[in-house]
Amino acid sequence: MKEVQKIKVEAAVRESARRIWKTPYEVMEILSPEGELIFSATIYQCNRIELTDEQEQLCVGRPGVIMVYNYGVDTPPPINDLLYAERLQASRLVLVTPHFLYSITCGEKGWTNGEELNQVIDQHKHLLKVVKRYATNYGCTLYEVEMTDPLLKILCRRMRYRLTRQSIGSEFQK
């Protein structure tokens, strides 16, 4: 019976990802650990979803929720998404991009804290992708960076998270 439930949850996750795939704005669907839709949140600005306090409390009140959300570009989940999954007490985050489906499941000890993640990133910062440089009035340069697949793999391995990255299949084309 447990295997049937696991198949049902996976089908619900893929259906949620398919539903929000290629939406011109970000959508986050929160599924129960059993795969049922709890709520959907939408924001019409690029790269920014903020749940209300009430929505966050719904997640925290049902530990093990599954976050399913979309990006309009093919970039892996950033560190902030991993930290947000921990904040919501999610068991898993699933990101659908135009061409890929990322799934990260927390380890047996749950999500790690930001300090541990930052230590690993500091050791492998050469793997970050620089997307913008800002010159300041004080002669400093600030950088806006993105996560890369090689760095995400290292992070997940070190934190004992389960990571999968799949090409979007033909079922999303329907």
N, C-alpha and C. Protein backbone atom coordinates (compact mmCIF):
# COMPACT_ATOMS: atom_id res chain seq x y z
N MET A 1 0.82 -1.20 0.00
CA MET A 1 0.00 0.00 0.00
C MET A 1 0.86 1.26 0.00
N LYS A 2 2.00 1.22 0.69
CA LYS A 2 2.89 2.36 0.76
C LYS A 2 3.41 2.74 -0.63
N GLU A 3 3.69 1.76 -1.45
CA GLU A 3 4.18 2.01 -2.81
C GLU A 3 3.11 2.69 -3.66
N VAL A 4 1.86 2.31 -3.47
CA VAL A 4 0.75 2.94 -4.20
C VAL A 4 0.65 4.42 -3.80
N GLN A 5 0.80 4.72 -2.52
CA GLN A 5 0.76 6.10 -2.05
C GLN A 5 1.91 6.90 -2.64
N LYS A 6 3.11 6.31 -2.69
CA LYS A 6 4.28 6.98 -3.25
C LYS A 6 4.05 7.31 -4.73
N ILE A 7 3.46 6.40 -5.48
CA ILE A 7 3.15 6.63 -6.89
C ILE A 7 2.12 7.75 -7.04
N LYS A 8 1.14 7.77 -6.15
CA LYS A 8 0.11 8.81 -6.18
C LYS A 8 0.72 10.19 -5.92
N VAL A 9 1.63 10.27 -4.94
CA VAL A 9 2.28 11.54 -4.62
C VAL A 9 3.14 12.00 -5.80
N GLU A 10 3.89 11.10 -6.40
CA GLU A 10 4.73 11.47 -7.54
C GLU A 10 3.88 11.96 -8.71
N ALA A 11 2.75 11.33 -8.95
CA ALA A 11 1.85 11.77 -10.01
C ALA A 11 1.30 13.17 -9.71
N ALA A 12 0.97 13.43 -8.45
CA ALA A 12 0.46 14.75 -8.06
C ALA A 12 1.53 15.82 -8.23
N VAL A 13 2.76 15.50 -7.88
CA VAL A 13 3.88 16.45 -8.03
C VAL A 13 4.09 16.77 -9.51
N ARG A 14 4.10 15.75 -10.35
CA ARG A 14 4.32 15.99 -11.78
C ARG A 14 3.15 16.76 -12.39
N GLU A 15 1.94 16.50 -11.95
CA GLU A 15 0.78 17.24 -12.46
C GLU A 15 0.85 18.70 -12.04
N SER A 16 1.26 18.95 -10.81
CA SER A 16 1.42 20.32 -10.34
C SER A 16 2.49 21.04 -11.17
N ALA A 17 3.62 20.39 -11.39
CA ALA A 17 4.70 20.99 -12.18
C ALA A 17 4.24 21.25 -13.61
N ARG A 18 3.51 20.31 -14.19
CA ARG A 18 3.01 20.50 -15.55
C ARG A 18 2.04 21.68 -15.62
N ARG A 19 1.22 21.81 -14.59
CA ARG A 19 0.21 22.87 -14.56
C ARG A 19 0.85 24.27 -14.56
N ILE A 20 1.95 24.42 -13.86
CA ILE A 20 2.57 25.74 -13.73
C ILE A 20 3.74 25.96 -14.68
N TRP A 21 4.12 24.94 -15.41
CA TRP A 21 5.24 25.02 -16.35
C TRP A 21 4.96 26.10 -17.40
N LYS A 22 5.95 26.92 -17.66
CA LYS A 22 5.91 27.98 -18.67
C LYS A 22 4.84 29.04 -18.42
N THR A 23 4.38 29.14 -17.18
CA THR A 23 3.49 30.24 -16.83
C THR A 23 4.33 31.51 -16.89
N PRO A 24 3.81 32.62 -17.43
CA PRO A 24 4.63 33.83 -17.59
C PRO A 24 4.93 34.56 -16.27
N TYR A 25 4.54 33.99 -15.16
CA TYR A 25 4.82 34.55 -13.84
C TYR A 25 5.07 33.37 -12.91
N GLU A 26 5.61 33.68 -11.76
CA GLU A 26 5.92 32.59 -10.83
C GLU A 26 4.69 32.13 -10.07
N VAL A 27 4.61 30.83 -9.91
CA VAL A 27 3.54 30.20 -9.16
C VAL A 27 4.19 29.19 -8.22
N MET A 28 3.69 29.14 -7.00
CA MET A 28 4.12 28.11 -6.06
C MET A 28 2.88 27.37 -5.60
N GLU A 29 2.91 26.07 -5.76
CA GLU A 29 1.83 25.23 -5.23
C GLU A 29 2.40 24.46 -4.05
N ILE A 30 1.64 24.42 -2.99
CA ILE A 30 2.02 23.67 -1.80
C ILE A 30 1.13 22.43 -1.74
N LEU A 31 1.78 21.29 -1.76
CA LEU A 31 1.07 20.00 -1.68
C LEU A 31 1.27 19.39 -0.30
N SER A 32 0.28 18.68 0.15
CA SER A 32 0.42 17.94 1.41
C SER A 32 1.40 16.79 1.19
N PRO A 33 1.89 16.18 2.25
CA PRO A 33 2.76 15.01 2.08
C PRO A 33 2.08 13.88 1.31
N GLU A 34 0.74 13.90 1.29
CA GLU A 34 -0.03 12.89 0.54
C GLU A 34 -0.27 13.30 -0.91
N GLY A 35 0.18 14.50 -1.29
CA GLY A 35 0.06 14.95 -2.68
C GLY A 35 -1.17 15.79 -2.99
N GLU A 36 -1.92 16.18 -1.97
CA GLU A 36 -3.12 17.00 -2.21
C GLU A 36 -2.75 18.47 -2.19
N LEU A 37 -3.35 19.25 -3.08
CA LEU A 37 -3.08 20.67 -3.16
C LEU A 37 -3.63 21.37 -1.92
N ILE A 38 -2.77 22.07 -1.19
CA ILE A 38 -3.19 22.85 -0.03
C ILE A 38 -3.54 24.26 -0.48
N PHE A 39 -2.64 24.88 -1.23
CA PHE A 39 -2.92 26.20 -1.81
C PHE A 39 -1.92 26.49 -2.92
N SER A 40 -2.25 27.52 -3.68
CA SER A 40 -1.40 28.00 -4.77
C SER A 40 -1.19 29.49 -4.55
N ALA A 41 0.05 29.95 -4.72
CA ALA A 41 0.37 31.37 -4.58
C ALA A 41 0.99 31.86 -5.88
N THR A 42 0.57 33.04 -6.30
CA THR A 42 1.05 33.62 -7.55
C THR A 42 1.57 35.02 -7.30
N ILE A 43 2.64 35.35 -7.98
CA ILE A 43 3.10 36.73 -7.97
C ILE A 43 3.48 37.09 -9.39
N TYR A 44 3.11 38.26 -9.80
CA TYR A 44 3.25 38.64 -11.20
C TYR A 44 4.54 39.38 -11.48
N GLN A 45 5.50 39.25 -10.58
CA GLN A 45 6.82 39.81 -10.81
C GLN A 45 7.79 38.64 -10.95
N CYS A 46 8.79 38.84 -11.74
CA CYS A 46 9.77 37.78 -12.00
C CYS A 46 10.59 37.47 -10.74
N ASN A 47 10.84 36.21 -10.52
CA ASN A 47 11.76 35.72 -9.50
C ASN A 47 11.44 36.16 -8.07
N ARG A 48 10.18 36.20 -7.71
CA ARG A 48 9.87 36.64 -6.35
C ARG A 48 8.53 36.09 -5.90
N ILE A 49 8.54 35.12 -5.04
CA ILE A 49 7.31 34.66 -4.42
C ILE A 49 7.44 34.88 -2.93
N GLU A 50 6.47 35.52 -2.37
CA GLU A 50 6.41 35.70 -0.93
C GLU A 50 5.05 35.20 -0.47
N LEU A 51 5.07 34.23 0.39
CA LEU A 51 3.83 33.74 0.96
C LEU A 51 3.40 34.66 2.10
N THR A 52 2.12 34.70 2.34
CA THR A 52 1.61 35.47 3.47
C THR A 52 1.96 34.73 4.76
N ASP A 53 1.86 35.42 5.87
CA ASP A 53 2.10 34.78 7.16
C ASP A 53 1.16 33.60 7.37
N GLU A 54 -0.09 33.77 6.93
CA GLU A 54 -1.08 32.70 7.08
C GLU A 54 -0.70 31.48 6.24
N GLN A 55 -0.23 31.72 5.02
CA GLN A 55 0.19 30.61 4.16
C GLN A 55 1.41 29.90 4.76
N GLU A 56 2.36 30.67 5.26
CA GLU A 56 3.53 30.05 5.90
C GLU A 56 3.10 29.21 7.09
N GLN A 57 2.16 29.71 7.89
CA GLN A 57 1.69 28.95 9.05
C GLN A 57 0.97 27.67 8.63
N LEU A 58 0.25 27.71 7.51
CA LEU A 58 -0.37 26.49 6.99
C LEU A 58 0.69 25.44 6.69
N CYS A 59 1.81 25.87 6.12
CA CYS A 59 2.89 24.94 5.80
C CYS A 59 3.54 24.38 7.07
N VAL A 60 3.86 25.27 7.99
CA VAL A 60 4.51 24.86 9.23
C VAL A 60 3.58 23.94 10.03
N GLY A 61 2.28 24.18 9.93
CA GLY A 61 1.31 23.35 10.63
C GLY A 61 1.15 21.96 10.03
N ARG A 62 1.67 21.78 8.83
CA ARG A 62 1.63 20.45 8.18
C ARG A 62 3.03 20.09 7.74
N PRO A 63 3.91 19.77 8.68
CA PRO A 63 5.29 19.46 8.32
C PRO A 63 5.35 18.39 7.23
N GLY A 64 6.29 18.59 6.33
CA GLY A 64 6.46 17.62 5.25
C GLY A 64 5.79 18.02 3.96
N VAL A 65 5.28 19.27 3.88
CA VAL A 65 4.66 19.72 2.63
C VAL A 65 5.69 19.67 1.51
N ILE A 66 5.18 19.70 0.30
CA ILE A 66 6.01 19.69 -0.90
C ILE A 66 5.81 21.01 -1.62
N MET A 67 6.90 21.75 -1.84
CA MET A 67 6.87 23.02 -2.57
C MET A 67 7.09 22.72 -4.04
N VAL A 68 6.16 23.12 -4.88
CA VAL A 68 6.32 22.98 -6.33
C VAL A 68 6.20 24.38 -6.91
N TYR A 69 7.22 24.83 -7.64
CA TYR A 69 7.20 26.19 -8.16
C TYR A 69 7.93 26.24 -9.49
N ASN A 70 7.82 27.38 -10.15
CA ASN A 70 8.39 27.49 -11.49
C ASN A 70 9.31 28.70 -11.60
N TYR A 71 10.23 28.61 -12.55
CA TYR A 71 11.06 29.73 -12.99
C TYR A 71 10.93 29.81 -14.50
N GLY A 72 11.04 30.99 -15.04
CA GLY A 72 10.96 31.19 -16.49
C GLY A 72 12.27 30.97 -17.21
N VAL A 73 13.34 30.69 -16.46
CA VAL A 73 14.65 30.45 -17.05
C VAL A 73 15.21 29.13 -16.51
N ASP A 74 16.14 28.58 -17.25
CA ASP A 74 16.75 27.31 -16.84
C ASP A 74 17.91 27.56 -15.88
N THR A 75 17.56 27.74 -14.63
CA THR A 75 18.57 27.90 -13.59
C THR A 75 18.17 27.00 -12.42
N PRO A 76 19.14 26.38 -11.78
CA PRO A 76 18.80 25.52 -10.64
C PRO A 76 18.30 26.34 -9.45
N PRO A 77 17.70 25.67 -8.48
CA PRO A 77 17.21 26.38 -7.30
C PRO A 77 18.36 27.08 -6.56
N PRO A 78 18.18 28.35 -6.21
CA PRO A 78 19.23 29.05 -5.46
C PRO A 78 19.20 28.66 -3.99
N ILE A 79 20.22 29.06 -3.28
CA ILE A 79 20.33 28.75 -1.86
C ILE A 79 19.13 29.28 -1.08
N ASN A 80 18.60 30.43 -1.47
CA ASN A 80 17.42 30.99 -0.77
C ASN A 80 16.24 30.04 -0.81
N ASP A 81 16.10 29.28 -1.90
CA ASP A 81 14.99 28.33 -1.99
C ASP A 81 15.19 27.18 -1.00
N LEU A 82 16.44 26.76 -0.82
CA LEU A 82 16.72 25.70 0.15
C LEU A 82 16.42 26.20 1.57
N LEU A 83 16.78 27.44 1.83
CA LEU A 83 16.50 28.02 3.15
C LEU A 83 15.00 28.20 3.36
N TYR A 84 14.28 28.55 2.30
CA TYR A 84 12.84 28.72 2.42
C TYR A 84 12.15 27.38 2.67
N ALA A 85 12.65 26.32 2.04
CA ALA A 85 12.10 24.98 2.28
C ALA A 85 12.25 24.61 3.76
N GLU A 86 13.39 24.97 4.34
CA GLU A 86 13.61 24.70 5.76
C GLU A 86 12.65 25.53 6.60
N ARG A 87 12.46 26.79 6.24
CA ARG A 87 11.56 27.68 6.98
C ARG A 87 10.12 27.16 6.98
N LEU A 88 9.70 26.60 5.83
CA LEU A 88 8.34 26.07 5.71
C LEU A 88 8.20 24.65 6.25
N GLN A 89 9.30 24.06 6.67
CA GLN A 89 9.35 22.67 7.12
C GLN A 89 8.87 21.71 6.03
N ALA A 90 9.25 22.03 4.81
CA ALA A 90 8.90 21.19 3.66
C ALA A 90 9.78 19.93 3.65
N SER A 91 9.27 18.88 3.08
CA SER A 91 10.08 17.68 2.93
C SER A 91 10.82 17.69 1.60
N ARG A 92 10.33 18.54 0.69
CA ARG A 92 10.86 18.50 -0.66
C ARG A 92 10.54 19.80 -1.38
N LEU A 93 11.44 20.19 -2.28
CA LEU A 93 11.13 21.29 -3.18
C LEU A 93 11.30 20.79 -4.60
N VAL A 94 10.40 21.23 -5.45
CA VAL A 94 10.40 20.83 -6.85
C VAL A 94 10.32 22.10 -7.68
N LEU A 95 11.30 22.29 -8.55
CA LEU A 95 11.36 23.46 -9.41
C LEU A 95 11.23 23.01 -10.86
N VAL A 96 10.28 23.61 -11.57
CA VAL A 96 10.14 23.33 -12.99
C VAL A 96 10.59 24.58 -13.75
N THR A 97 11.52 24.38 -14.68
CA THR A 97 12.02 25.46 -15.54
C THR A 97 11.58 25.11 -16.96
N PRO A 98 11.87 25.95 -17.94
CA PRO A 98 11.43 25.62 -19.29
C PRO A 98 11.88 24.24 -19.80
N HIS A 99 13.04 23.77 -19.36
CA HIS A 99 13.54 22.50 -19.89
C HIS A 99 13.86 21.43 -18.86
N PHE A 100 13.77 21.77 -17.55
CA PHE A 100 14.18 20.82 -16.53
C PHE A 100 13.22 20.78 -15.35
N LEU A 101 13.24 19.65 -14.68
CA LEU A 101 12.49 19.45 -13.44
C LEU A 101 13.51 19.06 -12.37
N TYR A 102 13.70 19.94 -11.39
CA TYR A 102 14.60 19.69 -10.27
C TYR A 102 13.77 19.24 -9.08
N SER A 103 14.27 18.26 -8.37
CA SER A 103 13.63 17.82 -7.14
C SER A 103 14.71 17.64 -6.08
N ILE A 104 14.51 18.28 -4.94
CA ILE A 104 15.46 18.15 -3.83
C ILE A 104 14.67 17.74 -2.59
N THR A 105 15.04 16.61 -2.04
CA THR A 105 14.41 16.09 -0.82
C THR A 105 15.41 16.22 0.31
N CYS A 106 14.94 16.74 1.45
CA CYS A 106 15.85 16.92 2.58
C CYS A 106 16.33 15.56 3.09
N GLY A 107 17.46 15.58 3.77
CA GLY A 107 18.03 14.37 4.32
C GLY A 107 17.32 13.93 5.59
N GLU A 108 17.82 12.85 6.17
CA GLU A 108 17.22 12.31 7.39
C GLU A 108 17.22 13.33 8.52
N LYS A 109 18.22 14.19 8.55
CA LYS A 109 18.32 15.21 9.61
C LYS A 109 17.58 16.48 9.23
N GLY A 110 16.89 16.48 8.12
CA GLY A 110 16.16 17.66 7.67
C GLY A 110 17.05 18.59 6.87
N TRP A 111 16.59 19.81 6.70
CA TRP A 111 17.36 20.82 5.98
C TRP A 111 18.43 21.37 6.90
N THR A 112 19.53 21.73 6.34
CA THR A 112 20.62 22.31 7.13
C THR A 112 20.42 23.82 7.26
N ASN A 113 21.19 24.43 8.11
CA ASN A 113 21.05 25.88 8.27
C ASN A 113 21.90 26.63 7.25
N GLY A 114 21.66 27.92 7.14
CA GLY A 114 22.35 28.74 6.17
C GLY A 114 23.84 28.80 6.37
N GLU A 115 24.29 28.74 7.61
CA GLU A 115 25.72 28.80 7.88
C GLU A 115 26.46 27.62 7.25
N GLU A 116 25.90 26.43 7.39
CA GLU A 116 26.52 25.24 6.79
C GLU A 116 26.53 25.34 5.27
N LEU A 117 25.42 25.79 4.70
CA LEU A 117 25.37 25.96 3.24
C LEU A 117 26.39 26.98 2.77
N ASN A 118 26.50 28.09 3.49
CA ASN A 118 27.45 29.12 3.10
C ASN A 118 28.90 28.64 3.18
N GLN A 119 29.21 27.77 4.15
CA GLN A 119 30.55 27.22 4.24
C GLN A 119 30.90 26.40 3.00
N VAL A 120 29.94 25.60 2.55
CA VAL A 120 30.19 24.80 1.34
C VAL A 120 30.31 25.71 0.12
N ILE A 121 29.45 26.71 0.04
CA ILE A 121 29.51 27.64 -1.09
C ILE A 121 30.85 28.38 -1.09
N ASP A 122 31.32 28.81 0.08
CA ASP A 122 32.61 29.49 0.14
C ASP A 122 33.74 28.61 -0.39
N GLN A 123 33.66 27.32 -0.11
CA GLN A 123 34.69 26.39 -0.58
C GLN A 123 34.62 26.18 -2.09
N HIS A 124 33.46 26.44 -2.68
CA HIS A 124 33.26 26.15 -4.11
C HIS A 124 32.72 27.38 -4.86
N LYS A 125 33.01 28.56 -4.38
CA LYS A 125 32.45 29.78 -4.98
C LYS A 125 32.85 29.97 -6.43
N HIS A 126 33.93 29.33 -6.84
CA HIS A 126 34.34 29.41 -8.26
C HIS A 126 33.30 28.77 -9.18
N LEU A 127 32.38 27.99 -8.62
CA LEU A 127 31.34 27.35 -9.43
C LEU A 127 30.09 28.21 -9.58
N LEU A 128 30.01 29.32 -8.86
CA LEU A 128 28.88 30.23 -9.01
C LEU A 128 28.97 30.94 -10.35
N LYS A 129 27.83 31.28 -10.91
CA LYS A 129 27.78 32.02 -12.18
C LYS A 129 27.53 33.49 -11.87
N VAL A 130 28.43 34.36 -12.32
CA VAL A 130 28.25 35.80 -12.13
C VAL A 130 27.29 36.30 -13.21
N VAL A 131 26.20 36.92 -12.79
CA VAL A 131 25.21 37.42 -13.76
C VAL A 131 25.23 38.94 -13.87
N LYS A 132 25.74 39.63 -12.83
CA LYS A 132 25.86 41.10 -12.86
C LYS A 132 26.98 41.53 -11.96
N ARG A 133 27.61 42.64 -12.36
CA ARG A 133 28.62 43.29 -11.52
C ARG A 133 28.15 44.71 -11.27
N TYR A 134 28.34 45.15 -10.04
CA TYR A 134 27.97 46.50 -9.66
C TYR A 134 29.20 47.22 -9.11
N ALA A 135 29.50 48.37 -9.64
CA ALA A 135 30.56 49.20 -9.08
C ALA A 135 29.92 50.13 -8.06
N THR A 136 30.55 50.24 -6.90
CA THR A 136 30.03 51.13 -5.86
C THR A 136 30.80 52.44 -5.87
N ASN A 137 30.29 53.40 -5.14
CA ASN A 137 30.97 54.70 -5.01
C ASN A 137 32.24 54.60 -4.19
N TYR A 138 32.45 53.48 -3.54
CA TYR A 138 33.60 53.30 -2.66
C TYR A 138 34.70 52.47 -3.31
N GLY A 139 34.63 52.27 -4.61
CA GLY A 139 35.66 51.52 -5.31
C GLY A 139 35.54 50.02 -5.17
N CYS A 140 34.44 49.56 -4.64
CA CYS A 140 34.21 48.12 -4.49
C CYS A 140 33.36 47.62 -5.65
N THR A 141 33.44 46.34 -5.88
CA THR A 141 32.58 45.71 -6.87
C THR A 141 31.73 44.67 -6.18
N LEU A 142 30.43 44.73 -6.39
CA LEU A 142 29.50 43.74 -5.86
C LEU A 142 29.08 42.84 -7.01
N TYR A 143 28.81 41.59 -6.70
CA TYR A 143 28.44 40.63 -7.72
C TYR A 143 27.09 40.02 -7.41
N GLU A 144 26.28 39.85 -8.44
CA GLU A 144 25.05 39.08 -8.34
C GLU A 144 25.37 37.73 -8.98
N VAL A 145 25.13 36.67 -8.24
CA VAL A 145 25.51 35.34 -8.72
C VAL A 145 24.31 34.41 -8.75
N GLU A 146 24.44 33.36 -9.53
CA GLU A 146 23.42 32.30 -9.62
C GLU A 146 24.04 30.97 -9.25
N MET A 147 23.20 30.10 -8.76
CA MET A 147 23.58 28.72 -8.51
C MET A 147 23.86 28.05 -9.85
N THR A 148 24.74 27.09 -9.86
CA THR A 148 24.99 26.27 -11.05
C THR A 148 24.71 24.82 -10.70
N ASP A 149 24.49 24.02 -11.72
CA ASP A 149 24.24 22.59 -11.48
C ASP A 149 25.40 21.90 -10.77
N PRO A 150 26.68 22.16 -11.15
CA PRO A 150 27.77 21.51 -10.42
C PRO A 150 27.81 21.87 -8.93
N LEU A 151 27.56 23.14 -8.61
CA LEU A 151 27.55 23.55 -7.21
C LEU A 151 26.36 22.95 -6.47
N LEU A 152 25.20 22.91 -7.12
CA LEU A 152 24.03 22.31 -6.48
C LEU A 152 24.27 20.83 -6.17
N LYS A 153 24.92 20.13 -7.07
CA LYS A 153 25.24 18.71 -6.82
C LYS A 153 26.14 18.55 -5.61
N ILE A 154 27.15 19.40 -5.51
CA ILE A 154 28.06 19.34 -4.37
C ILE A 154 27.31 19.66 -3.08
N LEU A 155 26.51 20.72 -3.09
CA LEU A 155 25.73 21.08 -1.90
C LEU A 155 24.84 19.93 -1.45
N CYS A 156 24.13 19.35 -2.38
CA CYS A 156 23.20 18.27 -2.02
C CYS A 156 23.95 17.05 -1.50
N ARG A 157 25.07 16.74 -2.11
CA ARG A 157 25.85 15.59 -1.63
C ARG A 157 26.36 15.86 -0.21
N ARG A 158 26.90 17.05 0.03
CA ARG A 158 27.46 17.38 1.35
C ARG A 158 26.38 17.46 2.43
N MET A 159 25.19 17.94 2.06
CA MET A 159 24.10 18.08 3.03
C MET A 159 23.25 16.82 3.13
N ARG A 160 23.57 15.84 2.32
CA ARG A 160 22.84 14.57 2.28
C ARG A 160 21.39 14.74 1.80
N TYR A 161 21.21 15.65 0.86
CA TYR A 161 19.91 15.82 0.22
C TYR A 161 19.86 14.92 -1.00
N ARG A 162 18.66 14.54 -1.39
CA ARG A 162 18.50 13.74 -2.63
C ARG A 162 18.10 14.70 -3.75
N LEU A 163 18.93 14.76 -4.78
CA LEU A 163 18.72 15.66 -5.91
C LEU A 163 18.47 14.87 -7.18
N THR A 164 17.44 15.25 -7.91
CA THR A 164 17.26 14.73 -9.27
C THR A 164 17.04 15.93 -10.18
N ARG A 165 17.55 15.81 -11.38
CA ARG A 165 17.36 16.82 -12.43
C ARG A 165 17.00 16.07 -13.69
N GLN A 166 15.79 16.29 -14.18
CA GLN A 166 15.31 15.57 -15.35
C GLN A 166 14.95 16.55 -16.44
N SER A 167 15.20 16.15 -17.67
CA SER A 167 14.70 16.93 -18.81
C SER A 167 13.19 16.80 -18.82
N ILE A 168 12.53 17.90 -19.22
CA ILE A 168 11.08 17.87 -19.30
C ILE A 168 10.69 16.92 -20.43
N GLY A 169 9.86 15.99 -20.09
CA GLY A 169 9.44 14.99 -21.07
C GLY A 169 8.26 15.42 -21.90
N SER A 170 7.86 14.55 -22.78
CA SER A 170 6.77 14.85 -23.70
C SER A 170 5.43 15.04 -22.98
N GLU A 171 5.29 14.50 -21.75
CA GLU A 171 4.00 14.67 -21.06
C GLU A 171 3.74 16.13 -20.72
N PHE A 172 4.78 16.96 -20.64
CA PHE A 172 4.59 18.38 -20.38
C PHE A 172 4.16 19.11 -21.64
N GLN A 173 4.35 18.53 -22.79
CA GLN A 173 4.00 19.17 -24.06
C GLN A 173 2.52 19.11 -24.36
N LYS A 174 1.80 18.23 -23.68
CA LYS A 174 0.38 18.02 -23.97
C LYS A 174 -0.47 19.18 -23.55
